[in-house]
Amino acid sequence: MPERYPALAALAPYLRCPVCSGRVRPGPGGSGPGGHGAEQVSCERGHGFDIARQGYVSLVGGRGGPGTGDSAEMVMARTRFLGGGHYQPVAAAVAGLAARLDPGGPGLALDLAGGTGYYLAAVLDALAPDRTGACVDLSAPALRRAARAHPRAAALGADAWRPLPLADGSAAVVLSVFGPRNAAEIRRVLVPGGGLVIAAPGPGHLAELRAALGLIGIDARKGERLAGAFGGFAPAGEAVVRYELRLGPADLTDLVAMGPNARHVGPADLAARVAALPAPFAVTVDVTVRGLSISQ
């Protein structure tokens, strides 16, 4: 496996079995869920998990949390939109804070609910060349892309709401970009002195588009809830990323279709709403990127 999946091989020492919490190791398959001689990671008790041919491994165990994996259509929309560079300033801010908070030493750059690995790739480019990244997500279509997002990025199927199949103190830096945040698990997997980077929408994020299309609003108490959940962390920097985009119908459609609004607005309805907007349409990006550190 090291030759075919070097990032996954580098991730393996940090992995734990989602069934028994034992250490897992890569090796030939045959006894796991898929069997048929596929390469696997497996624990000493014989719980095996096949490595998908695209290079990711799913270690989803137990009952699922409230999150759901993104559909193939959502992932394609996100790939197109992010590939256009529209959120590159957000990625740069996340990478800059991650580089400041990385304590050095062993550990992963861990992106929770990291989707296609877009932000993780930017962070790995900013960190030391021996830092391995792990993109955790529930969506198989997203994991297929995350496994190819960066030469040092591995993709891991897991639920960010549930106990992560990772050892205690396995992450030097944790990223949470527009995703769920399980504070207890983040504390558990961070090394002493490790850092957390949270990117969350500000009050003006996509305000024009939300008003014009009747989309989901922004939680006005998000900052307050974050402060309560991560009260044991120390503030370690903040950047407000705010700028205007002028988007045509295709990009506007992808912007809506790549996020949670895709579950509330059907494709035909979305196309009709977008067609009624002036082109190009001006929309504000308003994202707060916060750095937090955990005590030694």
C-alpha atoms as a PDB file:
ATOM      1  CA  MET A   1       0.000   0.000   0.000  1.00  0.00           C
ATOM      2  CA  PRO A   2       2.719   2.594   0.690  1.00  0.00           C
ATOM      3  CA  GLU A   3       3.610   2.757  -3.000  1.00  0.00           C
ATOM      4  CA  ARG A   4       0.029   3.146  -4.198  1.00  0.00           C
ATOM      5  CA  TYR A   5      -1.338   5.306  -1.371  1.00  0.00           C
ATOM      6  CA  PRO A   6       1.574   7.052   0.392  1.00  0.00           C
ATOM      7  CA  ALA A   7      -0.607   9.607   2.200  1.00  0.00           C
ATOM      8  CA  LEU A   8      -2.931   6.886   3.473  1.00  0.00           C
ATOM      9  CA  ALA A   9       0.075   4.858   4.620  1.00  0.00           C
ATOM     10  CA  ALA A  10       1.357   7.901   6.539  1.00  0.00           C
ATOM     11  CA  LEU A  11      -2.094   8.294   8.130  1.00  0.00           C
ATOM     12  CA  ALA A  12      -2.348   4.631   9.200  1.00  0.00           C
ATOM     13  CA  PRO A  13      -0.448   4.908  12.550  1.00  0.00           C
ATOM     14  CA  TYR A  14      -3.023   7.454  13.747  1.00  0.00           C
ATOM     15  CA  LEU A  15      -6.075   5.391  12.806  1.00  0.00           C
ATOM     16  CA  ARG A  16      -8.199   3.447  15.253  1.00  0.00           C
ATOM     17  CA  CYS A  17     -10.856   0.816  14.577  1.00  0.00           C
ATOM     18  CA  PRO A  18     -14.371   2.301  14.833  1.00  0.00           C
ATOM     19  CA  VAL A  19     -15.664  -1.010  16.251  1.00  0.00           C
ATOM     20  CA  CYS A  20     -13.158  -1.799  19.010  1.00  0.00           C
ATOM     21  CA  SER A  21     -10.827   1.258  19.058  1.00  0.00           C
ATOM     22  CA  GLY A  22      -7.828  -0.976  18.401  1.00  0.00           C
ATOM     23  CA  ARG A  23      -4.876  -0.001  16.263  1.00  0.00           C
ATOM     24  CA  VAL A  24      -5.255  -0.708  12.575  1.00  0.00           C
ATOM     25  CA  ARG A  25      -2.704  -1.511   9.933  1.00  0.00           C
ATOM     26  CA  PRO A  26      -2.789  -1.734   6.145  1.00  0.00           C
ATOM     27  CA  GLY A  27      -2.630  -5.065   4.424  1.00  0.00           C
ATOM     28  CA  PRO A  28      -4.297  -7.416   1.940  1.00  0.00           C
ATOM     29  CA  GLY A  29      -8.065  -7.832   2.228  1.00  0.00           C
ATOM     30  CA  GLY A  30     -10.505 -10.637   1.924  1.00  0.00           C
ATOM     31  CA  SER A  31     -12.389 -10.500   5.211  1.00  0.00           C
ATOM     32  CA  GLY A  32     -13.776  -6.957   5.289  1.00  0.00           C
ATOM     33  CA  PRO A  33     -17.122  -5.581   4.132  1.00  0.00           C
ATOM     34  CA  GLY A  34     -16.129  -5.745   0.481  1.00  0.00           C
ATOM     35  CA  GLY A  35     -13.686  -8.637   0.641  1.00  0.00           C
ATOM     36  CA  HIS A  36     -12.518 -10.039  -2.694  1.00  0.00           C
ATOM     37  CA  GLY A  37      -8.836  -9.487  -1.879  1.00  0.00           C
ATOM     38  CA  ALA A  38      -9.036  -5.688  -1.869  1.00  0.00           C
ATOM     39  CA  GLU A  39      -6.416  -3.819   0.114  1.00  0.00           C
ATOM     40  CA  GLN A  40      -7.626  -2.968   3.588  1.00  0.00           C
ATOM     41  CA  VAL A  41      -6.867  -1.475   6.921  1.00  0.00           C
ATOM     42  CA  SER A  42      -7.696  -3.933   9.690  1.00  0.00           C
ATOM     43  CA  CYS A  43      -7.279  -4.322  13.441  1.00  0.00           C
ATOM     44  CA  GLU A  44      -5.963  -7.263  15.466  1.00  0.00           C
ATOM     45  CA  ARG A  45      -9.507  -8.433  16.172  1.00  0.00           C
ATOM     46  CA  GLY A  46     -10.164  -8.880  12.470  1.00  0.00           C
ATOM     47  CA  HIS A  47     -12.328  -5.853  11.736  1.00  0.00           C
ATOM     48  CA  GLY A  48     -11.404  -4.903   8.197  1.00  0.00           C
ATOM     49  CA  PHE A  49     -12.212  -1.880   6.040  1.00  0.00           C
ATOM     50  CA  ASP A  50     -11.541  -1.862   2.325  1.00  0.00           C
ATOM     51  CA  ILE A  51      -9.523   0.850   0.677  1.00  0.00           C
ATOM     52  CA  ALA A  52     -11.545   2.161  -2.265  1.00  0.00           C
ATOM     53  CA  ARG A  53      -9.812   2.070  -5.618  1.00  0.00           C
ATOM     54  CA  GLN A  54      -9.795   5.879  -5.576  1.00  0.00           C
ATOM     55  CA  GLY A  55      -7.556   5.734  -2.489  1.00  0.00           C
ATOM     56  CA  TYR A  56      -9.813   6.544   0.467  1.00  0.00           C
ATOM     57  CA  VAL A  57     -10.927   4.351   3.349  1.00  0.00           C
ATOM     58  CA  SER A  58     -14.243   4.572   5.185  1.00  0.00           C
ATOM     59  CA  LEU A  59     -14.171   3.965   8.948  1.00  0.00           C
ATOM     60  CA  VAL A  60     -17.776   4.837   9.711  1.00  0.00           C
ATOM     61  CA  GLY A  61     -18.949   2.913  12.757  1.00  0.00           C
ATOM     62  CA  GLY A  62     -21.981   2.868  15.016  1.00  0.00           C
ATOM     63  CA  ARG A  63     -25.064   4.990  14.614  1.00  0.00           C
ATOM     64  CA  GLY A  64     -24.771   8.089  12.489  1.00  0.00           C
ATOM     65  CA  GLY A  65     -25.011  11.619  13.819  1.00  0.00           C
ATOM     66  CA  PRO A  66     -27.229  14.402  12.493  1.00  0.00           C
ATOM     67  CA  GLY A  67     -24.989  15.061   9.495  1.00  0.00           C
ATOM     68  CA  THR A  68     -25.476  13.616   6.025  1.00  0.00           C
ATOM     69  CA  GLY A  69     -22.995  13.224   3.202  1.00  0.00           C
ATOM     70  CA  ASP A  70     -23.208  15.517   0.203  1.00  0.00           C
ATOM     71  CA  SER A  71     -24.611  14.101  -3.014  1.00  0.00           C
ATOM     72  CA  ALA A  72     -22.602  13.675  -6.200  1.00  0.00           C
ATOM     73  CA  GLU A  73     -24.414  16.698  -7.665  1.00  0.00           C
ATOM     74  CA  MET A  74     -23.476  18.867  -4.676  1.00  0.00           C
ATOM     75  CA  VAL A  75     -19.850  17.751  -4.901  1.00  0.00           C
ATOM     76  CA  MET A  76     -19.694  18.535  -8.623  1.00  0.00           C
ATOM     77  CA  ALA A  77     -21.149  22.003  -8.015  1.00  0.00           C
ATOM     78  CA  ARG A  78     -18.578  22.625  -5.254  1.00  0.00           C
ATOM     79  CA  THR A  79     -15.737  21.407  -7.462  1.00  0.00           C
ATOM     80  CA  ARG A  80     -16.703  23.777 -10.248  1.00  0.00           C
ATOM     81  CA  PHE A  81     -17.253  26.776  -7.957  1.00  0.00           C
ATOM     82  CA  LEU A  82     -14.101  26.373  -5.889  1.00  0.00           C
ATOM     83  CA  GLY A  83     -12.142  25.582  -9.035  1.00  0.00           C
ATOM     84  CA  GLY A  84     -13.070  29.041 -10.290  1.00  0.00           C
ATOM     85  CA  GLY A  85     -11.067  30.582  -7.436  1.00  0.00           C
ATOM     86  CA  HIS A  86     -14.043  32.422  -5.960  1.00  0.00           C
ATOM     87  CA  TYR A  87     -13.178  31.411  -2.386  1.00  0.00           C
ATOM     88  CA  GLN A  88      -9.401  31.554  -2.767  1.00  0.00           C
ATOM     89  CA  PRO A  89      -9.092  34.479  -0.296  1.00  0.00           C
ATOM     90  CA  VAL A  90     -10.898  32.367   2.308  1.00  0.00           C
ATOM     91  CA  ALA A  91      -8.532  29.446   1.669  1.00  0.00           C
ATOM     92  CA  ALA A  92      -5.544  31.794   1.988  1.00  0.00           C
ATOM     93  CA  ALA A  93      -6.775  33.098   5.350  1.00  0.00           C
ATOM     94  CA  VAL A  94      -7.342  29.553   6.652  1.00  0.00           C
ATOM     95  CA  ALA A  95      -3.878  28.479   5.469  1.00  0.00           C
ATOM     96  CA  GLY A  96      -2.219  31.528   7.010  1.00  0.00           C
ATOM     97  CA  LEU A  97      -3.706  30.916  10.451  1.00  0.00           C
ATOM     98  CA  ALA A  98      -2.983  27.190  10.265  1.00  0.00           C
ATOM     99  CA  ALA A  99       0.681  27.915   9.533  1.00  0.00           C
ATOM    100  CA  ARG A 100       0.839  30.236  12.562  1.00  0.00           C
ATOM    101  CA  LEU A 101      -0.772  27.690  14.878  1.00  0.00           C
ATOM    102  CA  ASP A 102       1.074  24.560  13.745  1.00  0.00           C
ATOM    103  CA  PRO A 103       3.206  23.600  16.775  1.00  0.00           C
ATOM    104  CA  GLY A 104       5.609  21.442  14.791  1.00  0.00           C
ATOM    105  CA  GLY A 105       6.394  17.879  15.777  1.00  0.00           C
ATOM    106  CA  PRO A 106       4.274  14.849  14.917  1.00  0.00           C
ATOM    107  CA  GLY A 107       0.597  15.004  14.071  1.00  0.00           C
ATOM    108  CA  LEU A 108      -1.834  15.492  11.235  1.00  0.00           C
ATOM    109  CA  ALA A 109      -3.414  18.482   9.599  1.00  0.00           C
ATOM    110  CA  LEU A 110      -6.990  17.287  10.081  1.00  0.00           C
ATOM    111  CA  ASP A 111      -9.860  18.802   8.072  1.00  0.00           C
ATOM    112  CA  LEU A 112     -13.249  17.884   9.555  1.00  0.00           C
ATOM    113  CA  ALA A 113     -16.145  17.653   7.097  1.00  0.00           C
ATOM    114  CA  GLY A 114     -13.531  18.742   4.591  1.00  0.00           C
ATOM    115  CA  GLY A 115     -15.473  17.860   1.444  1.00  0.00           C
ATOM    116  CA  THR A 116     -13.248  17.700  -1.611  1.00  0.00           C
ATOM    117  CA  GLY A 117     -10.099  18.692   0.297  1.00  0.00           C
ATOM    118  CA  TYR A 118      -9.880  22.158  -1.265  1.00  0.00           C
ATOM    119  CA  TYR A 119      -8.995  23.984   1.967  1.00  0.00           C
ATOM    120  CA  LEU A 120      -6.778  21.170   3.240  1.00  0.00           C
ATOM    121  CA  ALA A 121      -4.696  21.358   0.060  1.00  0.00           C
ATOM    122  CA  ALA A 122      -4.114  25.090   0.603  1.00  0.00           C
ATOM    123  CA  VAL A 123      -3.130  24.440   4.219  1.00  0.00           C
ATOM    124  CA  LEU A 124      -0.697  21.655   3.333  1.00  0.00           C
ATOM    125  CA  ASP A 125       1.002  23.963   0.845  1.00  0.00           C
ATOM    126  CA  ALA A 126       1.548  26.429   3.715  1.00  0.00           C
ATOM    127  CA  LEU A 127       2.825  23.875   6.258  1.00  0.00           C
ATOM    128  CA  ALA A 128       6.080  21.959   6.572  1.00  0.00           C
ATOM    129  CA  PRO A 129       6.670  19.474   3.743  1.00  0.00           C
ATOM    130  CA  ASP A 130       6.528  16.499   6.125  1.00  0.00           C
ATOM    131  CA  ARG A 131       3.037  17.310   7.445  1.00  0.00           C
ATOM    132  CA  THR A 132       0.416  14.765   6.358  1.00  0.00           C
ATOM    133  CA  GLY A 133      -3.188  15.845   5.938  1.00  0.00           C
ATOM    134  CA  ALA A 134      -6.405  13.917   6.535  1.00  0.00           C
ATOM    135  CA  CYS A 135      -9.722  15.016   5.063  1.00  0.00           C
ATOM    136  CA  VAL A 136     -12.660  13.551   7.018  1.00  0.00           C
ATOM    137  CA  ASP A 137     -16.068  13.459   5.366  1.00  0.00           C
ATOM    138  CA  LEU A 138     -19.160  11.261   5.046  1.00  0.00           C
ATOM    139  CA  SER A 139     -19.676  11.750   1.315  1.00  0.00           C
ATOM    140  CA  ALA A 140     -18.132   9.105  -0.933  1.00  0.00           C
ATOM    141  CA  PRO A 141     -18.195  11.446  -3.985  1.00  0.00           C
ATOM    142  CA  ALA A 142     -16.327  14.069  -1.938  1.00  0.00           C
ATOM    143  CA  LEU A 143     -13.822  11.535  -0.600  1.00  0.00           C
ATOM    144  CA  ARG A 144     -12.973  10.382  -4.115  1.00  0.00           C
ATOM    145  CA  ARG A 145     -11.845  13.913  -4.905  1.00  0.00           C
ATOM    146  CA  ALA A 146     -10.234  14.546  -1.524  1.00  0.00           C
ATOM    147  CA  ALA A 147      -7.984  11.512  -2.035  1.00  0.00           C
ATOM    148  CA  ARG A 148      -6.492  13.358  -5.037  1.00  0.00           C
ATOM    149  CA  ALA A 149      -6.553  16.887  -3.613  1.00  0.00           C
ATOM    150  CA  HIS A 150      -2.870  16.971  -2.599  1.00  0.00           C
ATOM    151  CA  PRO A 151       0.044  14.506  -2.636  1.00  0.00           C
ATOM    152  CA  ARG A 152       0.146  14.570   1.186  1.00  0.00           C
ATOM    153  CA  ALA A 153      -3.616  14.411   1.732  1.00  0.00           C
ATOM    154  CA  ALA A 154      -5.405  11.196   2.687  1.00  0.00           C
ATOM    155  CA  ALA A 155      -9.199  10.848   2.662  1.00  0.00           C
ATOM    156  CA  LEU A 156     -11.047   9.211   5.538  1.00  0.00           C
ATOM    157  CA  GLY A 157     -14.734   8.358   5.665  1.00  0.00           C
ATOM    158  CA  ALA A 158     -16.050   9.255   9.135  1.00  0.00           C
ATOM    159  CA  ASP A 159     -18.789  11.278  10.813  1.00  0.00           C
ATOM    160  CA  ALA A 160     -17.514  14.527  12.359  1.00  0.00           C
ATOM    161  CA  TRP A 161     -20.417  14.407  14.848  1.00  0.00           C
ATOM    162  CA  ARG A 162     -19.360  11.020  16.207  1.00  0.00           C
ATOM    163  CA  PRO A 163     -16.166   9.745  17.902  1.00  0.00           C
ATOM    164  CA  LEU A 164     -13.456   9.961  15.289  1.00  0.00           C
ATOM    165  CA  PRO A 165     -11.508   6.800  14.355  1.00  0.00           C
ATOM    166  CA  LEU A 166      -8.280   8.515  15.370  1.00  0.00           C
ATOM    167  CA  ALA A 167      -5.913   8.180  18.313  1.00  0.00           C
ATOM    168  CA  ASP A 168      -5.777  10.716  21.123  1.00  0.00           C
ATOM    169  CA  GLY A 169      -3.399  13.563  20.302  1.00  0.00           C
ATOM    170  CA  SER A 170      -3.136  12.666  16.629  1.00  0.00           C
ATOM    171  CA  ALA A 171      -3.658  16.138  15.097  1.00  0.00           C
ATOM    172  CA  ALA A 172      -1.297  19.107  15.205  1.00  0.00           C
ATOM    173  CA  VAL A 173      -3.856  21.352  13.501  1.00  0.00           C
ATOM    174  CA  VAL A 174      -7.609  20.876  13.053  1.00  0.00           C
ATOM    175  CA  LEU A 175      -9.627  22.725  10.413  1.00  0.00           C
ATOM    176  CA  SER A 176     -13.361  23.350  10.499  1.00  0.00           C
ATOM    177  CA  VAL A 177     -14.441  25.290   7.413  1.00  0.00           C
ATOM    178  CA  PHE A 178     -18.218  25.831   7.109  1.00  0.00           C
ATOM    179  CA  GLY A 179     -18.727  22.494   8.837  1.00  0.00           C
ATOM    180  CA  PRO A 180     -19.911  20.838  12.056  1.00  0.00           C
ATOM    181  CA  ARG A 181     -17.709  21.100  15.126  1.00  0.00           C
ATOM    182  CA  ASN A 182     -17.627  18.401  17.793  1.00  0.00           C
ATOM    183  CA  ALA A 183     -15.703  20.290  20.481  1.00  0.00           C
ATOM    184  CA  ALA A 184     -15.055  17.258  22.691  1.00  0.00           C
ATOM    185  CA  GLU A 185     -13.578  15.209  19.855  1.00  0.00           C
ATOM    186  CA  ILE A 186     -11.473  18.125  18.629  1.00  0.00           C
ATOM    187  CA  ARG A 187      -9.980  18.491  22.109  1.00  0.00           C
ATOM    188  CA  ARG A 188      -9.299  14.758  22.256  1.00  0.00           C
ATOM    189  CA  VAL A 189      -7.478  14.468  18.935  1.00  0.00           C
ATOM    190  CA  LEU A 190      -5.407  17.667  19.200  1.00  0.00           C
ATOM    191  CA  VAL A 191      -1.850  17.407  20.487  1.00  0.00           C
ATOM    192  CA  PRO A 192      -0.961  19.610  23.494  1.00  0.00           C
ATOM    193  CA  GLY A 193      -0.227  23.040  22.069  1.00  0.00           C
ATOM    194  CA  GLY A 194      -2.144  22.236  18.872  1.00  0.00           C
ATOM    195  CA  GLY A 195      -4.282  24.692  16.978  1.00  0.00           C
ATOM    196  CA  LEU A 196      -7.840  24.883  15.661  1.00  0.00           C
ATOM    197  CA  VAL A 197      -8.895  27.027  12.699  1.00  0.00           C
ATOM    198  CA  ILE A 198     -12.608  27.735  12.304  1.00  0.00           C
ATOM    199  CA  ALA A 199     -14.061  29.482   9.258  1.00  0.00           C
ATOM    200  CA  ALA A 200     -17.695  30.494   9.625  1.00  0.00           C
ATOM    201  CA  PRO A 201     -19.992  32.814   7.659  1.00  0.00           C
ATOM    202  CA  GLY A 202     -20.385  36.351   8.958  1.00  0.00           C
ATOM    203  CA  PRO A 203     -23.722  38.204   9.049  1.00  0.00           C
ATOM    204  CA  GLY A 204     -23.293  39.619   5.549  1.00  0.00           C
ATOM    205  CA  HIS A 205     -22.255  36.375   3.862  1.00  0.00           C
ATOM    206  CA  LEU A 206     -24.169  35.977   0.588  1.00  0.00           C
ATOM    207  CA  ALA A 207     -26.770  38.384   1.974  1.00  0.00           C
ATOM    208  CA  GLU A 208     -27.850  39.623  -1.462  1.00  0.00           C
ATOM    209  CA  LEU A 209     -28.296  36.096  -2.764  1.00  0.00           C
ATOM    210  CA  ARG A 210     -30.108  34.917   0.344  1.00  0.00           C
ATOM    211  CA  ALA A 211     -32.540  37.825   0.079  1.00  0.00           C
ATOM    212  CA  ALA A 212     -33.116  37.428  -3.656  1.00  0.00           C
ATOM    213  CA  LEU A 213     -33.590  33.654  -3.626  1.00  0.00           C
ATOM    214  CA  GLY A 214     -35.111  33.100  -0.190  1.00  0.00           C
ATOM    215  CA  LEU A 215     -32.244  30.955   1.073  1.00  0.00           C
ATOM    216  CA  ILE A 216     -31.395  29.735   4.572  1.00  0.00           C
ATOM    217  CA  GLY A 217     -30.351  32.551   6.911  1.00  0.00           C
ATOM    218  CA  ILE A 218     -27.205  32.922   9.006  1.00  0.00           C
ATOM    219  CA  ASP A 219     -27.435  32.024  12.701  1.00  0.00           C
ATOM    220  CA  ALA A 220     -27.047  35.342  14.522  1.00  0.00           C
ATOM    221  CA  ARG A 221     -25.764  33.539  17.631  1.00  0.00           C
ATOM    222  CA  LYS A 222     -23.035  31.550  15.855  1.00  0.00           C
ATOM    223  CA  GLY A 223     -20.183  33.494  17.456  1.00  0.00           C
ATOM    224  CA  GLU A 224     -21.720  33.164  20.897  1.00  0.00           C
ATOM    225  CA  ARG A 225     -22.198  29.422  20.489  1.00  0.00           C
ATOM    226  CA  LEU A 226     -18.619  28.983  19.279  1.00  0.00           C
ATOM    227  CA  ALA A 227     -17.277  30.817  22.305  1.00  0.00           C
ATOM    228  CA  GLY A 228     -19.298  28.575  24.609  1.00  0.00           C
ATOM    229  CA  ALA A 229     -18.289  25.324  22.917  1.00  0.00           C
ATOM    230  CA  PHE A 230     -14.575  26.146  22.885  1.00  0.00           C
ATOM    231  CA  GLY A 231     -14.274  27.908  26.207  1.00  0.00           C
ATOM    232  CA  GLY A 232     -11.164  25.885  27.107  1.00  0.00           C
ATOM    233  CA  PHE A 233      -9.266  27.187  24.080  1.00  0.00           C
ATOM    234  CA  ALA A 234      -7.307  30.438  23.915  1.00  0.00           C
ATOM    235  CA  PRO A 235      -7.939  32.935  21.078  1.00  0.00           C
ATOM    236  CA  ALA A 236      -5.023  32.858  18.661  1.00  0.00           C
ATOM    237  CA  GLY A 237      -5.820  35.248  15.844  1.00  0.00           C
ATOM    238  CA  GLU A 238      -8.740  36.265  13.700  1.00  0.00           C
ATOM    239  CA  ALA A 239      -9.209  37.425  10.121  1.00  0.00           C
ATOM    240  CA  VAL A 240     -12.377  38.837   8.580  1.00  0.00           C
ATOM    241  CA  VAL A 241     -12.457  38.032   4.880  1.00  0.00           C
ATOM    242  CA  ARG A 242     -14.913  40.295   3.090  1.00  0.00           C
ATOM    243  CA  TYR A 243     -15.121  41.040  -0.632  1.00  0.00           C
ATOM    244  CA  GLU A 244     -17.568  41.199  -3.515  1.00  0.00           C
ATOM    245  CA  LEU A 245     -18.096  38.657  -6.257  1.00  0.00           C
ATOM    246  CA  ARG A 246     -19.867  39.349  -9.517  1.00  0.00           C
ATOM    247  CA  LEU A 247     -21.235  36.066 -10.741  1.00  0.00           C
ATOM    248  CA  GLY A 248     -23.068  34.815 -13.780  1.00  0.00           C
ATOM    249  CA  PRO A 249     -25.943  32.309 -13.731  1.00  0.00           C
ATOM    250  CA  ALA A 250     -23.749  29.185 -13.837  1.00  0.00           C
ATOM    251  CA  ASP A 251     -21.632  30.235 -10.862  1.00  0.00           C
ATOM    252  CA  LEU A 252     -24.667  31.422  -8.906  1.00  0.00           C
ATOM    253  CA  THR A 253     -26.351  28.074  -9.479  1.00  0.00           C
ATOM    254  CA  ASP A 254     -23.259  26.184  -8.308  1.00  0.00           C
ATOM    255  CA  LEU A 255     -22.907  28.436  -5.263  1.00  0.00           C
ATOM    256  CA  VAL A 256     -26.404  27.504  -4.107  1.00  0.00           C
ATOM    257  CA  ALA A 257     -26.255  23.878  -5.257  1.00  0.00           C
ATOM    258  CA  MET A 258     -23.017  23.096  -3.429  1.00  0.00           C
ATOM    259  CA  GLY A 259     -24.379  23.851   0.055  1.00  0.00           C
ATOM    260  CA  PRO A 260     -27.272  22.974   2.368  1.00  0.00           C
ATOM    261  CA  ASN A 261     -29.718  25.035   0.308  1.00  0.00           C
ATOM    262  CA  ALA A 262     -29.494  22.317  -2.346  1.00  0.00           C
ATOM    263  CA  ARG A 263     -31.624  20.144  -0.044  1.00  0.00           C
ATOM    264  CA  HIS A 264     -34.371  22.774   0.100  1.00  0.00           C
ATOM    265  CA  VAL A 265     -34.511  24.139  -3.467  1.00  0.00           C
ATOM    266  CA  GLY A 266     -35.017  21.758  -6.391  1.00  0.00           C
ATOM    267  CA  PRO A 267     -32.947  22.143  -9.577  1.00  0.00           C
ATOM    268  CA  ALA A 268     -35.837  23.454 -11.691  1.00  0.00           C
ATOM    269  CA  ASP A 269     -36.914  25.936  -9.026  1.00  0.00           C
ATOM    270  CA  LEU A 270     -33.331  27.095  -8.534  1.00  0.00           C
ATOM    271  CA  ALA A 271     -32.818  27.577 -12.283  1.00  0.00           C
ATOM    272  CA  ALA A 272     -35.957  29.695 -12.505  1.00  0.00           C
ATOM    273  CA  ARG A 273     -34.961  31.854  -9.533  1.00  0.00           C
ATOM    274  CA  VAL A 274     -31.421  32.411 -10.844  1.00  0.00           C
ATOM    275  CA  ALA A 275     -32.688  33.237 -14.342  1.00  0.00           C
ATOM    276  CA  ALA A 276     -34.729  36.089 -12.872  1.00  0.00           C
ATOM    277  CA  LEU A 277     -31.625  37.773 -11.397  1.00  0.00           C
ATOM    278  CA  PRO A 278     -29.614  40.443 -13.215  1.00  0.00           C
ATOM    279  CA  ALA A 279     -26.344  39.202 -14.700  1.00  0.00           C
ATOM    280  CA  PRO A 280     -23.727  39.527 -13.433  1.00  0.00           C
ATOM    281  CA  PHE A 281     -25.104  39.510  -9.906  1.00  0.00           C
ATOM    282  CA  ALA A 282     -23.084  41.121  -7.076  1.00  0.00           C
ATOM    283  CA  VAL A 283     -22.834  39.067  -3.892  1.00  0.00           C
ATOM    284  CA  THR A 284     -20.817  39.614  -0.716  1.00  0.00           C
ATOM    285  CA  VAL A 285     -18.444  37.059   0.746  1.00  0.00           C
ATOM    286  CA  ASP A 286     -18.209  37.623   4.506  1.00  0.00           C
ATOM    287  CA  VAL A 287     -16.284  34.961   6.421  1.00  0.00           C
ATOM    288  CA  THR A 288     -14.624  35.116   9.827  1.00  0.00           C
ATOM    289  CA  VAL A 289     -11.591  32.864  10.242  1.00  0.00           C
ATOM    290  CA  ARG A 290     -10.705  32.284  13.903  1.00  0.00           C
ATOM    291  CA  GLY A 291      -7.644  30.640  15.366  1.00  0.00           C
ATOM    292  CA  LEU A 292      -7.798  28.867  18.734  1.00  0.00           C
ATOM    293  CA  SER A 293      -5.058  27.071  20.613  1.00  0.00           C
ATOM    294  CA  ILE A 294      -5.190  24.359  23.243  1.00  0.00           C
ATOM    295  CA  SER A 295      -2.930  24.600  26.287  1.00  0.00           C
ATOM    296  CA  GLN A 296       0.237  22.574  26.579  1.00  0.00           C
END
